[in-house]
Amino acid sequence: MPAEANAVVRMARIAHARQLAGRPGVEIELRGARPFVVGGALAELHVGKETFTLSRYPDDGDMNRLIFVLESSEFDRLENGAPVFVRLGRAPAAAKTWVFPPFDRSALR
């Protein structure tokens, strides 16, 4: 699957994550070349062998961006260089998959 024009916009540690009941975590914000139209499907972030489902749209409602929230310990065990993609639902349909550049831990701010 080619990487399209998808990008990791931001990776940042946050002190109080809403989705983690106020605990600290890491937000990974992604921008898709196509909108992330979730509908009734669950958006899944795959980084190597790990899968994450806690996500939200940004406050401005931009459907081309999706923000995933990970616990700090989940982020810390991700492998640098691992493949990254987002899939809507469990079906492996290419139309519901967004491929991103490999995971780069150095982008964390």
N, C-alpha and C. Protein backbone atom coordinates (compact mmCIF):
# COMPACT_ATOMS: atom_id res chain seq x y z
N MET A 1 0.84 -1.19 0.00
CA MET A 1 0.00 0.00 0.00
C MET A 1 0.88 1.24 0.00
N PRO A 2 0.72 2.15 -0.95
CA PRO A 2 1.53 3.38 -0.97
C PRO A 2 1.14 4.34 0.14
N ALA A 3 2.06 5.23 0.50
CA ALA A 3 1.83 6.15 1.61
C ALA A 3 0.95 7.35 1.25
N GLU A 4 0.40 7.44 0.03
CA GLU A 4 -0.44 8.56 -0.38
C GLU A 4 0.21 9.87 0.05
N ALA A 5 -0.58 10.88 0.38
CA ALA A 5 -0.06 12.14 0.90
C ALA A 5 -0.49 12.28 2.35
N ASN A 6 -0.53 11.19 3.06
CA ASN A 6 -0.91 11.20 4.47
C ASN A 6 0.29 11.60 5.31
N ALA A 7 0.05 12.23 6.47
CA ALA A 7 1.15 12.70 7.29
C ALA A 7 0.82 12.65 8.77
N VAL A 8 1.85 12.46 9.57
CA VAL A 8 1.74 12.62 11.02
C VAL A 8 1.98 14.11 11.26
N VAL A 9 0.95 14.79 11.73
CA VAL A 9 1.02 16.24 11.93
C VAL A 9 1.70 16.58 13.24
N ARG A 10 1.43 15.78 14.27
CA ARG A 10 1.92 16.12 15.61
C ARG A 10 1.92 14.89 16.48
N MET A 11 2.97 14.76 17.30
CA MET A 11 3.01 13.78 18.38
C MET A 11 3.46 14.54 19.62
N ALA A 12 2.63 14.54 20.65
CA ALA A 12 2.96 15.34 21.83
C ALA A 12 2.50 14.66 23.11
N ARG A 13 3.34 14.76 24.13
CA ARG A 13 2.93 14.30 25.47
C ARG A 13 1.95 15.33 26.02
N ILE A 14 0.89 14.83 26.65
CA ILE A 14 -0.08 15.72 27.28
C ILE A 14 -0.25 15.33 28.73
N ALA A 15 -0.42 16.32 29.57
CA ALA A 15 -0.48 16.09 31.02
C ALA A 15 -1.81 15.47 31.46
N HIS A 16 -2.91 15.87 30.81
CA HIS A 16 -4.23 15.41 31.23
C HIS A 16 -5.06 15.09 29.99
N ALA A 17 -5.15 13.81 29.64
CA ALA A 17 -5.90 13.39 28.46
C ALA A 17 -7.35 13.11 28.83
N ARG A 18 -8.28 13.77 28.12
CA ARG A 18 -9.72 13.54 28.38
C ARG A 18 -10.07 12.06 28.24
N GLN A 19 -9.60 11.43 27.16
CA GLN A 19 -9.95 10.04 26.89
C GLN A 19 -9.31 9.06 27.87
N LEU A 20 -8.33 9.52 28.64
CA LEU A 20 -7.67 8.67 29.63
C LEU A 20 -8.05 9.08 31.05
N ALA A 21 -9.24 9.66 31.20
CA ALA A 21 -9.75 10.08 32.51
C ALA A 21 -8.79 11.03 33.22
N GLY A 22 -8.15 11.91 32.45
CA GLY A 22 -7.27 12.91 33.04
C GLY A 22 -5.84 12.47 33.26
N ARG A 23 -5.54 11.20 32.96
CA ARG A 23 -4.16 10.72 33.13
C ARG A 23 -3.28 11.26 31.99
N PRO A 24 -1.97 11.28 32.20
CA PRO A 24 -1.08 11.72 31.12
C PRO A 24 -1.06 10.71 29.97
N GLY A 25 -0.73 11.21 28.79
CA GLY A 25 -0.67 10.33 27.63
C GLY A 25 0.06 11.01 26.49
N VAL A 26 -0.12 10.44 25.30
CA VAL A 26 0.49 10.98 24.09
C VAL A 26 -0.59 11.08 23.03
N GLU A 27 -0.67 12.25 22.39
CA GLU A 27 -1.57 12.43 21.26
C GLU A 27 -0.78 12.29 19.96
N ILE A 28 -1.34 11.53 19.03
CA ILE A 28 -0.78 11.40 17.70
C ILE A 28 -1.83 11.94 16.74
N GLU A 29 -1.53 13.06 16.11
CA GLU A 29 -2.48 13.69 15.19
C GLU A 29 -2.07 13.37 13.76
N LEU A 30 -3.03 12.85 13.00
CA LEU A 30 -2.78 12.42 11.63
C LEU A 30 -3.61 13.24 10.66
N ARG A 31 -3.05 13.49 9.47
CA ARG A 31 -3.78 14.15 8.40
C ARG A 31 -3.87 13.19 7.23
N GLY A 32 -5.09 12.96 6.77
CA GLY A 32 -5.30 12.05 5.66
C GLY A 32 -5.53 12.78 4.35
N ALA A 33 -5.08 12.19 3.27
CA ALA A 33 -5.34 12.76 1.94
C ALA A 33 -6.83 12.67 1.62
N ARG A 34 -7.49 11.69 2.21
CA ARG A 34 -8.95 11.53 2.09
C ARG A 34 -9.54 11.73 3.49
N PRO A 35 -10.77 12.23 3.59
CA PRO A 35 -11.39 12.40 4.91
C PRO A 35 -11.53 11.07 5.64
N PHE A 36 -11.40 11.12 6.95
CA PHE A 36 -11.66 9.96 7.81
C PHE A 36 -13.16 9.96 8.13
N VAL A 37 -13.97 9.45 7.24
CA VAL A 37 -15.41 9.39 7.46
C VAL A 37 -15.69 8.10 8.21
N VAL A 38 -15.81 8.23 9.52
CA VAL A 38 -15.90 7.07 10.39
C VAL A 38 -17.28 6.42 10.31
N GLY A 39 -18.36 7.22 10.32
CA GLY A 39 -19.70 6.63 10.33
C GLY A 39 -19.85 5.75 11.55
N GLY A 40 -20.33 4.54 11.37
CA GLY A 40 -20.51 3.62 12.49
C GLY A 40 -19.30 2.75 12.76
N ALA A 41 -18.24 2.91 11.97
CA ALA A 41 -17.05 2.08 12.13
C ALA A 41 -16.11 2.66 13.19
N LEU A 42 -15.28 1.81 13.74
CA LEU A 42 -14.29 2.22 14.73
C LEU A 42 -12.97 2.47 14.01
N ALA A 43 -12.40 3.64 14.21
CA ALA A 43 -11.09 3.95 13.62
C ALA A 43 -10.01 3.26 14.44
N GLU A 44 -9.11 2.58 13.75
CA GLU A 44 -8.01 1.88 14.41
C GLU A 44 -6.68 2.40 13.89
N LEU A 45 -5.81 2.78 14.81
CA LEU A 45 -4.44 3.14 14.46
C LEU A 45 -3.58 1.91 14.69
N HIS A 46 -2.86 1.51 13.64
CA HIS A 46 -1.94 0.37 13.73
C HIS A 46 -0.52 0.89 13.61
N VAL A 47 0.30 0.57 14.60
CA VAL A 47 1.72 0.90 14.58
C VAL A 47 2.45 -0.40 14.86
N GLY A 48 3.04 -0.96 13.82
CA GLY A 48 3.64 -2.29 13.97
C GLY A 48 2.58 -3.29 14.38
N LYS A 49 2.81 -4.00 15.47
CA LYS A 49 1.88 -5.02 15.96
C LYS A 49 0.83 -4.46 16.91
N GLU A 50 0.92 -3.19 17.25
CA GLU A 50 0.02 -2.56 18.22
C GLU A 50 -1.17 -1.89 17.52
N THR A 51 -2.34 -1.94 18.18
CA THR A 51 -3.55 -1.32 17.65
C THR A 51 -4.17 -0.44 18.73
N PHE A 52 -4.61 0.77 18.32
CA PHE A 52 -5.19 1.74 19.24
C PHE A 52 -6.51 2.25 18.69
N THR A 53 -7.48 2.47 19.57
CA THR A 53 -8.82 2.87 19.11
C THR A 53 -9.34 4.15 19.75
N LEU A 54 -8.65 4.71 20.73
CA LEU A 54 -9.11 5.95 21.34
C LEU A 54 -8.77 7.11 20.42
N SER A 55 -9.79 7.69 19.80
CA SER A 55 -9.52 8.77 18.85
C SER A 55 -10.63 9.80 18.89
N ARG A 56 -10.33 10.93 18.26
CA ARG A 56 -11.32 12.00 18.15
C ARG A 56 -10.92 12.89 16.97
N TYR A 57 -11.91 13.63 16.46
CA TYR A 57 -11.61 14.66 15.48
C TYR A 57 -11.08 15.87 16.23
N PRO A 58 -10.33 16.76 15.56
CA PRO A 58 -9.89 17.98 16.23
C PRO A 58 -11.09 18.87 16.55
N ASP A 59 -10.90 19.82 17.42
CA ASP A 59 -11.99 20.69 17.86
C ASP A 59 -12.67 21.44 16.72
N ASP A 60 -11.93 21.71 15.63
CA ASP A 60 -12.54 22.42 14.50
C ASP A 60 -13.34 21.50 13.57
N GLY A 61 -13.37 20.19 13.88
CA GLY A 61 -14.19 19.25 13.11
C GLY A 61 -13.61 18.82 11.78
N ASP A 62 -12.36 19.16 11.49
CA ASP A 62 -11.72 18.80 10.22
C ASP A 62 -11.68 17.27 10.09
N MET A 63 -12.42 16.74 9.12
CA MET A 63 -12.51 15.29 8.96
C MET A 63 -11.30 14.69 8.24
N ASN A 64 -10.36 15.53 7.81
CA ASN A 64 -9.11 15.03 7.24
C ASN A 64 -8.04 14.84 8.32
N ARG A 65 -8.41 15.15 9.56
CA ARG A 65 -7.48 14.96 10.68
C ARG A 65 -8.14 14.09 11.74
N LEU A 66 -7.34 13.25 12.36
CA LEU A 66 -7.81 12.37 13.42
C LEU A 66 -6.72 12.33 14.48
N ILE A 67 -7.12 12.43 15.74
CA ILE A 67 -6.17 12.45 16.85
C ILE A 67 -6.37 11.20 17.69
N PHE A 68 -5.33 10.39 17.79
CA PHE A 68 -5.37 9.19 18.63
C PHE A 68 -4.68 9.50 19.94
N VAL A 69 -5.19 8.91 21.02
CA VAL A 69 -4.62 9.12 22.34
C VAL A 69 -4.12 7.78 22.87
N LEU A 70 -2.86 7.75 23.27
CA LEU A 70 -2.24 6.55 23.81
C LEU A 70 -1.79 6.81 25.23
N GLU A 71 -1.80 5.78 26.05
CA GLU A 71 -1.17 5.90 27.35
C GLU A 71 0.34 6.02 27.12
N SER A 72 1.02 6.69 28.01
CA SER A 72 2.46 6.89 27.86
C SER A 72 3.19 5.56 27.71
N SER A 73 2.80 4.56 28.49
CA SER A 73 3.46 3.25 28.44
C SER A 73 3.22 2.57 27.09
N GLU A 74 2.05 2.79 26.48
CA GLU A 74 1.78 2.23 25.15
C GLU A 74 2.70 2.87 24.12
N PHE A 75 2.82 4.19 24.17
CA PHE A 75 3.69 4.90 23.24
C PHE A 75 5.14 4.44 23.41
N ASP A 76 5.58 4.30 24.64
CA ASP A 76 6.98 3.99 24.92
C ASP A 76 7.40 2.63 24.37
N ARG A 77 6.47 1.72 24.16
CA ARG A 77 6.86 0.40 23.64
C ARG A 77 6.75 0.28 22.12
N LEU A 78 6.38 1.36 21.42
CA LEU A 78 6.30 1.32 19.97
C LEU A 78 7.69 1.27 19.36
N GLU A 79 7.83 0.49 18.27
CA GLU A 79 9.12 0.32 17.62
C GLU A 79 9.35 1.41 16.58
N ASN A 80 10.50 2.06 16.67
CA ASN A 80 10.87 3.05 15.67
C ASN A 80 10.96 2.36 14.31
N GLY A 81 10.41 3.00 13.28
CA GLY A 81 10.43 2.43 11.94
C GLY A 81 9.30 1.48 11.63
N ALA A 82 8.41 1.24 12.61
CA ALA A 82 7.29 0.31 12.39
C ALA A 82 6.31 0.90 11.37
N PRO A 83 5.65 0.04 10.59
CA PRO A 83 4.64 0.54 9.65
C PRO A 83 3.46 1.15 10.40
N VAL A 84 2.87 2.20 9.81
CA VAL A 84 1.75 2.91 10.42
C VAL A 84 0.62 3.00 9.42
N PHE A 85 -0.60 2.63 9.86
CA PHE A 85 -1.78 2.83 9.03
C PHE A 85 -3.01 2.97 9.91
N VAL A 86 -4.04 3.60 9.34
CA VAL A 86 -5.34 3.72 10.00
C VAL A 86 -6.32 2.93 9.16
N ARG A 87 -7.17 2.18 9.83
CA ARG A 87 -8.21 1.41 9.16
C ARG A 87 -9.53 1.68 9.86
N LEU A 88 -10.58 1.82 9.07
CA LEU A 88 -11.92 1.97 9.63
C LEU A 88 -12.59 0.61 9.64
N GLY A 89 -12.98 0.18 10.83
CA GLY A 89 -13.62 -1.12 10.97
C GLY A 89 -12.62 -2.24 10.80
N ARG A 90 -13.13 -3.45 10.74
CA ARG A 90 -12.28 -4.63 10.66
C ARG A 90 -12.00 -5.09 9.24
N ALA A 91 -12.79 -4.61 8.27
CA ALA A 91 -12.61 -5.04 6.89
C ALA A 91 -11.30 -4.49 6.33
N PRO A 92 -10.52 -5.31 5.62
CA PRO A 92 -9.25 -4.85 5.08
C PRO A 92 -9.38 -4.09 3.75
N ALA A 93 -10.55 -3.53 3.47
CA ALA A 93 -10.76 -2.81 2.20
C ALA A 93 -9.79 -1.63 2.09
N ALA A 94 -9.11 -1.55 0.95
CA ALA A 94 -8.12 -0.49 0.75
C ALA A 94 -8.75 0.90 0.82
N ALA A 95 -10.02 1.02 0.43
CA ALA A 95 -10.69 2.33 0.46
C ALA A 95 -10.87 2.83 1.88
N LYS A 96 -10.78 1.94 2.86
CA LYS A 96 -10.95 2.34 4.25
C LYS A 96 -9.63 2.26 5.02
N THR A 97 -8.51 2.35 4.29
CA THR A 97 -7.19 2.28 4.90
C THR A 97 -6.35 3.47 4.44
N TRP A 98 -5.65 4.09 5.40
CA TRP A 98 -4.75 5.21 5.14
C TRP A 98 -3.37 4.77 5.60
N VAL A 99 -2.39 4.83 4.72
CA VAL A 99 -1.02 4.42 5.04
C VAL A 99 -0.18 5.67 5.29
N PHE A 100 0.62 5.63 6.33
CA PHE A 100 1.45 6.76 6.75
C PHE A 100 2.93 6.37 6.68
N PRO A 101 3.82 7.35 6.73
CA PRO A 101 5.25 7.02 6.80
C PRO A 101 5.54 6.19 8.05
N PRO A 102 6.64 5.46 8.07
CA PRO A 102 6.99 4.63 9.23
C PRO A 102 7.06 5.47 10.52
N PHE A 103 6.81 4.81 11.64
CA PHE A 103 6.81 5.47 12.94
C PHE A 103 8.19 6.06 13.23
N ASP A 104 8.19 7.33 13.66
CA ASP A 104 9.44 8.04 13.96
C ASP A 104 9.33 8.66 15.35
N ARG A 105 9.90 7.99 16.31
CA ARG A 105 9.82 8.44 17.72
C ARG A 105 10.41 9.84 17.90
N SER A 106 11.35 10.23 17.05
CA SER A 106 12.00 11.54 17.22
C SER A 106 11.03 12.71 16.96
N ALA A 107 9.86 12.44 16.37
CA ALA A 107 8.88 13.49 16.11
C ALA A 107 8.10 13.90 17.38
N LEU A 108 8.26 13.14 18.46
CA LEU A 108 7.56 13.45 19.71
C LEU A 108 8.04 14.78 20.27
N ARG A 109 7.11 15.65 20.61
CA ARG A 109 7.43 16.95 21.19
C ARG A 109 6.85 17.06 22.58
